Each structure stands twice: as structure tokens, then as C-alpha cells.
Amino acid sequence: MKKEIGILMLLSIFTLSGCSLDKSTASTVKASGEQETTQSEQQNDEKLIETSDDKKVKLYALNEENNEIKSVVLDIDGKRKNFDWEIPNTGTKPQLFYTDLTNDDKEEAVVIIQTGRGTGLDNYDIHVINVEDLSEFKVQSYEDIVANEIRSKVVKNNDGTLTITATAQGKESKFDYDFDPAPNLDQDELAFGGVVVYTLENQKIKLNMPGSVGVSPVYVGDFNITYKFDSAKNEFIVDQIEMIPTK
């Protein structure tokens, strides 16, 4: 009799263990299904903003507030990553490229976003993405270029004209400007930041960054900058700076 009771207890234990296992498996499947649904819903909520000409790079709006995009999803040939890039509703559509900028025979994704525009204002940001791991390469900022690469001097002449001197990479440019747009403003060097325009040309990053005088501002000289890739620093830095007086 004791033997029969022992057998019944063992059978009960195995039966209960089997039930517990079944419930755990069902719970795992349900959780997985919920995750897939969430990912699917996120993709359904995404709105395509722009595509590169070769269709390799796609940009989607992920989060919008007051018709302004607060974050995006970048899709590079099927690889996807979220970025906190803001796109104002007053700007033009982003420009997308799939090209080799690092001279390693491997393409990078490039996204150029207009971040501001208005009277005397035209600003862009540039993002260069490593296709392999979706990390972002650093691109030397215009603020860093102004602080470390450019020296300028504005002299107000007695006849109401300006004499402007700019030095970049050891080369000096000096010219006169016909009038002083802000004679009451004490300005002894050029101002930058009103216009910052990035473009791509012959697989090179270009930056147009004019210098200005006055409050309005009045642009008196174009600084055309070409970048190069520094493999040791793993970033894009200034290669050449050309200064041209505004006519």
C-alpha cells in the first residue's frame, strides 16, 4: 500500500511540473508576439521623409510635435537606427546620399538637413554615417573652424568705408567694402553663423560660410571650405579654405 501511494505521489509531481512548463512556454511566446507587434506598430507610425537617388538611404519621421520632426529613423540598405535629429517645418527636404567620402572603397550615408532659414539666415547640419555599424563620423564644426582656422579684422575708415582683412591657413586677403552698414556698432572682426551651407561635390564635403558685418547682417566675404577625412582621428577636418570678397 505504501508503495502504491509513493507511485501516485511521483506521478502527481511530474504532472504538475509539465503544467508549469507549458505555462512558461506559452508566456514566452506571448511576450515575443507582443514585442513583434510593438516593432510593427512603430514602423507603421513612421512617415517617409526622403530617399537617396539610388534608394539605398531612406529617412523616416519617428516623432513629430507641432508639425516639426523631433527624431528620425535612418534606414541604410535595410539597417536601421534612430537619431535625435530635428527637422523644422520651415526647411526644405533633407538631402540623402550614398557615397564614399573616406576613400576606403566603402560607401557612407550622408544626410544634410536645413535647420533654419529666413532673412539673412540659411543654416544646415550634416551627418555622415558609417554603414557597417551605423555610428556617426565627426565633422569639424563651423564654430571650431572660426575659432582655430580663421583670423579677421574689420577697420572702420573715416570716409564711411570698411577695410577687411582675413587670414586662413597662412594666406591673407585684404579688401575694402564700399560702406559701413552699422557705423554706430563697434565691430572689429567678422561675424559668422548666419549662413552655414553644406554640400557634396566630387565626393568631398563643402561648406560655404560667409562672414558678415552689421546687425542685419550684411555679408561681405565668402569662406569656401573643403573637408578631408583624417583616418587617424576618424573624422572630417578642414583641408582648404578659400576667401572671396562679396561683389
Protein backbone atom coordinates (compact mmCIF):
# COMPACT_ATOMS: atom_id res chain seq x y z
CA MET A 1 0.00 0.00 0.00
CA LYS A 2 2.84 2.41 0.84
CA LYS A 3 4.46 1.56 -2.48
CA GLU A 4 1.30 2.44 -4.41
CA ILE A 5 0.99 5.76 -2.56
CA GLY A 6 4.61 6.59 -3.43
CA ILE A 7 4.00 5.90 -7.13
CA LEU A 8 0.90 8.14 -7.11
CA MET A 9 2.89 11.00 -5.49
CA LEU A 10 5.62 10.77 -8.15
CA LEU A 11 3.05 10.85 -10.93
CA SER A 12 1.46 13.93 -9.35
CA ILE A 13 4.82 15.73 -9.21
CA PHE A 14 5.59 15.03 -12.90
CA THR A 15 2.10 16.15 -13.90
CA LEU A 16 2.39 19.44 -12.03
CA SER A 17 5.89 20.10 -13.49
CA GLY A 18 4.55 19.54 -17.00
CA CYS A 19 1.76 22.08 -16.43
CA SER A 20 4.23 24.63 -15.12
CA LEU A 21 6.48 24.16 -18.17
CA ASP A 22 3.59 24.56 -20.57
CA LYS A 23 2.53 27.83 -18.93
CA SER A 24 6.10 29.20 -19.05
CA THR A 25 6.41 28.38 -22.75
CA ALA A 26 3.08 29.99 -23.53
CA SER A 27 4.11 33.11 -21.63
CA THR A 28 7.37 33.38 -23.63
CA VAL A 29 5.57 33.09 -26.95
CA LYS A 30 3.07 35.74 -25.90
CA ALA A 31 5.82 38.12 -24.82
CA SER A 32 7.62 37.61 -28.13
CA GLY A 33 4.43 38.28 -30.04
CA GLU A 34 3.85 41.49 -28.12
CA GLN A 35 7.38 42.71 -28.96
CA GLU A 36 6.88 41.99 -32.65
CA THR A 37 3.59 43.86 -32.60
CA THR A 38 5.26 46.87 -30.97
CA GLN A 39 8.01 46.97 -33.61
CA SER A 40 5.42 46.62 -36.36
CA GLU A 41 3.32 49.43 -34.89
CA GLN A 42 6.40 51.67 -34.70
CA GLN A 43 7.14 51.10 -38.39
CA ASN A 44 3.51 51.79 -39.25
CA ASP A 45 3.77 55.12 -37.40
CA GLU A 46 6.88 56.15 -39.37
CA LYS A 47 6.46 58.56 -42.27
CA LEU A 48 8.91 58.52 -45.17
CA ILE A 49 10.61 61.91 -45.49
CA GLU A 50 13.12 61.40 -48.28
CA THR A 51 15.09 58.76 -50.20
CA SER A 52 18.50 58.92 -51.87
CA ASP A 53 18.57 58.71 -55.65
CA ASP A 54 19.80 55.11 -55.57
CA LYS A 55 17.16 54.15 -52.94
CA LYS A 56 19.90 52.91 -50.59
CA VAL A 57 19.24 55.52 -47.89
CA LYS A 58 15.80 56.33 -46.51
CA LEU A 59 14.82 58.78 -43.78
CA TYR A 60 11.61 58.41 -41.75
CA ALA A 61 9.96 60.73 -39.26
CA LEU A 62 9.62 58.97 -35.90
CA ASN A 63 8.38 61.69 -33.55
CA GLU A 64 6.56 64.88 -34.57
CA GLU A 65 5.42 67.78 -32.39
CA ASN A 66 3.57 70.80 -33.81
CA ASN A 67 4.40 69.60 -37.33
CA GLU A 68 8.12 69.64 -36.53
CA ILE A 69 10.12 66.41 -36.61
CA LYS A 70 11.92 65.73 -33.32
CA SER A 71 13.52 62.37 -34.11
CA VAL A 72 14.04 60.18 -37.17
CA VAL A 73 14.78 56.64 -38.29
CA LEU A 74 17.62 56.24 -40.78
CA ASP A 75 17.43 53.16 -42.99
CA ILE A 76 20.62 52.24 -44.87
CA ASP A 77 20.00 49.32 -47.20
CA GLY A 78 17.85 47.61 -44.55
CA LYS A 79 19.92 48.55 -41.48
CA ARG A 80 18.01 50.92 -39.21
CA LYS A 81 18.86 53.28 -36.36
CA ASN A 82 17.03 56.07 -34.51
CA PHE A 83 18.62 59.55 -34.31
CA ASP A 84 17.55 62.67 -32.39
CA TRP A 85 17.80 64.90 -35.46
CA GLU A 86 15.30 67.74 -35.58
CA ILE A 87 13.80 68.91 -38.87
CA PRO A 88 11.82 72.19 -38.70
CA ASN A 89 8.69 72.54 -40.81
CA THR A 90 10.10 75.71 -42.43
CA GLY A 91 13.04 73.96 -44.04
CA THR A 92 13.47 72.15 -47.33
CA LYS A 93 13.51 68.36 -47.52
CA PRO A 94 16.73 66.69 -46.31
CA GLN A 95 19.29 65.62 -48.91
CA LEU A 96 20.37 61.97 -48.78
CA PHE A 97 23.47 60.42 -50.38
CA TYR A 98 25.19 57.05 -50.52
CA THR A 99 28.82 57.63 -51.49
CA ASP A 100 32.44 57.01 -50.47
CA LEU A 101 33.79 60.02 -48.56
CA THR A 102 36.55 58.23 -46.63
CA ASN A 103 38.43 56.85 -49.69
CA ASP A 104 38.24 53.25 -48.45
CA ASP A 105 36.08 51.97 -51.33
CA LYS A 106 33.14 51.68 -48.94
CA GLU A 107 30.12 53.95 -49.10
CA GLU A 108 28.88 56.16 -46.29
CA ALA A 109 25.38 57.53 -45.82
CA VAL A 110 25.20 61.34 -45.82
CA VAL A 111 22.24 63.36 -44.56
CA ILE A 112 22.12 67.16 -44.99
CA ILE A 113 19.32 68.90 -43.08
CA GLN A 114 18.24 72.52 -43.31
CA THR A 115 17.80 73.67 -39.72
CA GLY A 116 16.90 77.34 -40.23
CA ARG A 117 16.14 79.92 -42.87
CA GLY A 118 14.89 83.46 -43.08
CA THR A 119 16.07 86.96 -43.93
CA GLY A 120 19.86 86.73 -43.91
CA LEU A 121 19.66 83.24 -42.39
CA ASP A 122 20.37 79.87 -44.02
CA ASN A 123 21.62 77.05 -41.77
CA TYR A 124 22.30 73.36 -42.44
CA ASP A 125 23.60 70.40 -40.46
CA ILE A 126 25.47 67.46 -41.99
CA HIS A 127 25.59 63.86 -40.73
CA VAL A 128 27.93 61.19 -42.11
CA ILE A 129 27.10 57.63 -41.06
CA ASN A 130 29.29 54.53 -41.11
CA VAL A 131 27.24 51.91 -42.98
CA GLU A 132 28.82 48.97 -41.14
CA ASP A 133 27.93 49.90 -37.54
CA LEU A 134 25.65 52.95 -38.08
CA SER A 135 27.96 55.15 -35.98
CA GLU A 136 28.30 58.84 -36.89
CA PHE A 137 31.58 60.35 -38.05
CA LYS A 138 32.52 63.71 -36.53
CA VAL A 139 32.59 66.62 -38.97
CA GLN A 140 34.59 69.65 -37.79
CA SER A 141 32.04 72.31 -36.90
CA TYR A 142 31.98 75.80 -38.33
CA GLU A 143 32.44 77.19 -34.81
CA ASP A 144 35.67 75.23 -34.44
CA ILE A 145 36.86 76.41 -37.86
CA VAL A 146 36.19 80.05 -36.98
CA ALA A 147 37.93 79.71 -33.61
CA ASN A 148 41.02 77.87 -34.85
CA GLU A 149 41.44 78.41 -38.58
CA ILE A 150 40.33 81.98 -39.38
CA ARG A 151 41.50 85.37 -38.19
CA SER A 152 39.72 88.53 -39.34
CA LYS A 153 39.89 92.28 -38.75
CA VAL A 154 37.39 95.00 -39.59
CA VAL A 155 38.62 98.61 -39.70
CA LYS A 156 36.12 101.48 -39.97
CA ASN A 157 37.52 104.25 -42.15
CA ASN A 158 36.76 107.98 -41.80
CA ASP A 159 35.11 108.08 -45.24
CA GLY A 160 32.42 105.56 -44.20
CA THR A 161 34.05 102.54 -45.85
CA LEU A 162 35.48 99.40 -44.31
CA THR A 163 38.84 97.73 -44.70
CA ILE A 164 38.57 93.99 -44.09
CA THR A 165 41.46 91.60 -43.58
CA ALA A 166 41.05 87.83 -43.30
CA THR A 167 43.75 85.23 -42.75
CA ALA A 168 43.24 81.49 -43.18
CA GLN A 169 45.88 78.77 -43.46
CA GLY A 170 48.60 81.41 -43.62
CA LYS A 171 47.04 83.24 -46.58
CA GLU A 172 45.87 86.82 -46.12
CA SER A 173 43.07 88.53 -48.06
CA LYS A 174 42.57 92.28 -47.74
CA PHE A 175 39.90 94.39 -49.41
CA ASP A 176 37.76 97.50 -48.98
CA TYR A 177 33.99 97.45 -48.59
CA ASP A 178 32.08 100.41 -50.05
CA PHE A 179 30.05 101.36 -46.99
CA ASP A 180 29.66 100.71 -43.29
CA PRO A 181 26.19 99.21 -42.70
CA ALA A 182 26.38 99.83 -38.95
CA PRO A 183 28.54 102.92 -38.23
CA ASN A 184 27.42 103.00 -34.59
CA LEU A 185 28.33 99.36 -33.99
CA ASP A 186 31.74 98.62 -32.53
CA GLN A 187 32.78 95.62 -34.63
CA ASP A 188 36.45 94.77 -35.11
CA GLU A 189 36.12 91.32 -36.68
CA LEU A 190 33.78 89.43 -39.00
CA ALA A 191 30.75 87.60 -37.61
CA PHE A 192 29.82 84.07 -38.69
CA GLY A 193 26.89 81.70 -38.31
CA GLY A 194 24.09 83.40 -40.21
CA VAL A 195 24.74 81.27 -43.29
CA VAL A 196 26.20 77.76 -42.92
CA VAL A 197 25.57 75.67 -46.04
CA TYR A 198 26.91 72.14 -46.57
CA THR A 199 27.05 70.45 -49.97
CA LEU A 200 28.73 67.42 -51.56
CA GLU A 201 30.95 67.86 -54.61
CA ASN A 202 33.17 65.20 -56.22
CA GLN A 203 32.92 63.02 -53.10
CA LYS A 204 34.04 65.90 -50.89
CA ILE A 205 32.21 67.81 -48.16
CA LYS A 206 31.98 71.52 -48.94
CA LEU A 207 30.99 74.33 -46.61
CA ASN A 208 30.02 77.87 -47.58
CA MET A 209 30.29 80.17 -44.57
CA PRO A 210 30.22 83.91 -45.37
CA GLY A 211 31.45 86.49 -42.90
CA SER A 212 29.28 89.49 -42.08
CA VAL A 213 29.28 92.99 -40.64
CA GLY A 214 26.43 94.87 -39.01
CA VAL A 215 23.45 93.60 -37.05
CA SER A 216 21.23 92.72 -40.05
CA PRO A 217 23.73 91.12 -41.14
CA VAL A 218 25.50 92.25 -44.36
CA TYR A 219 27.70 89.53 -45.89
CA VAL A 220 31.00 90.86 -47.19
CA GLY A 221 33.09 87.78 -47.92
CA ASP A 222 32.53 84.10 -48.73
CA PHE A 223 34.64 81.47 -47.00
CA ASN A 224 34.52 78.30 -49.10
CA ILE A 225 35.81 75.31 -47.15
CA THR A 226 36.72 71.84 -48.38
CA TYR A 227 36.96 68.94 -45.91
CA LYS A 228 39.17 65.88 -45.94
CA PHE A 229 38.94 62.63 -43.98
CA ASP A 230 41.57 62.17 -41.27
CA SER A 231 41.85 58.40 -40.79
CA ALA A 232 43.97 58.79 -37.64
CA LYS A 233 41.30 60.93 -35.93
CA ASN A 234 38.47 59.11 -37.73
CA GLU A 235 36.80 62.42 -38.54
CA PHE A 236 36.38 65.02 -41.27
CA ILE A 237 38.56 68.11 -40.86
CA VAL A 238 39.36 71.24 -42.87
CA ASP A 239 41.54 70.72 -45.92
CA GLN A 240 41.33 74.04 -47.77
CA ILE A 241 39.84 77.48 -47.09
CA GLU A 242 39.25 79.99 -49.88
CA MET A 243 38.11 83.52 -49.12
CA ILE A 244 36.35 85.56 -51.85
CA PRO A 245 35.08 89.14 -51.31
CA THR A 246 31.35 89.55 -51.96
CA LYS A 247 30.69 91.69 -55.04
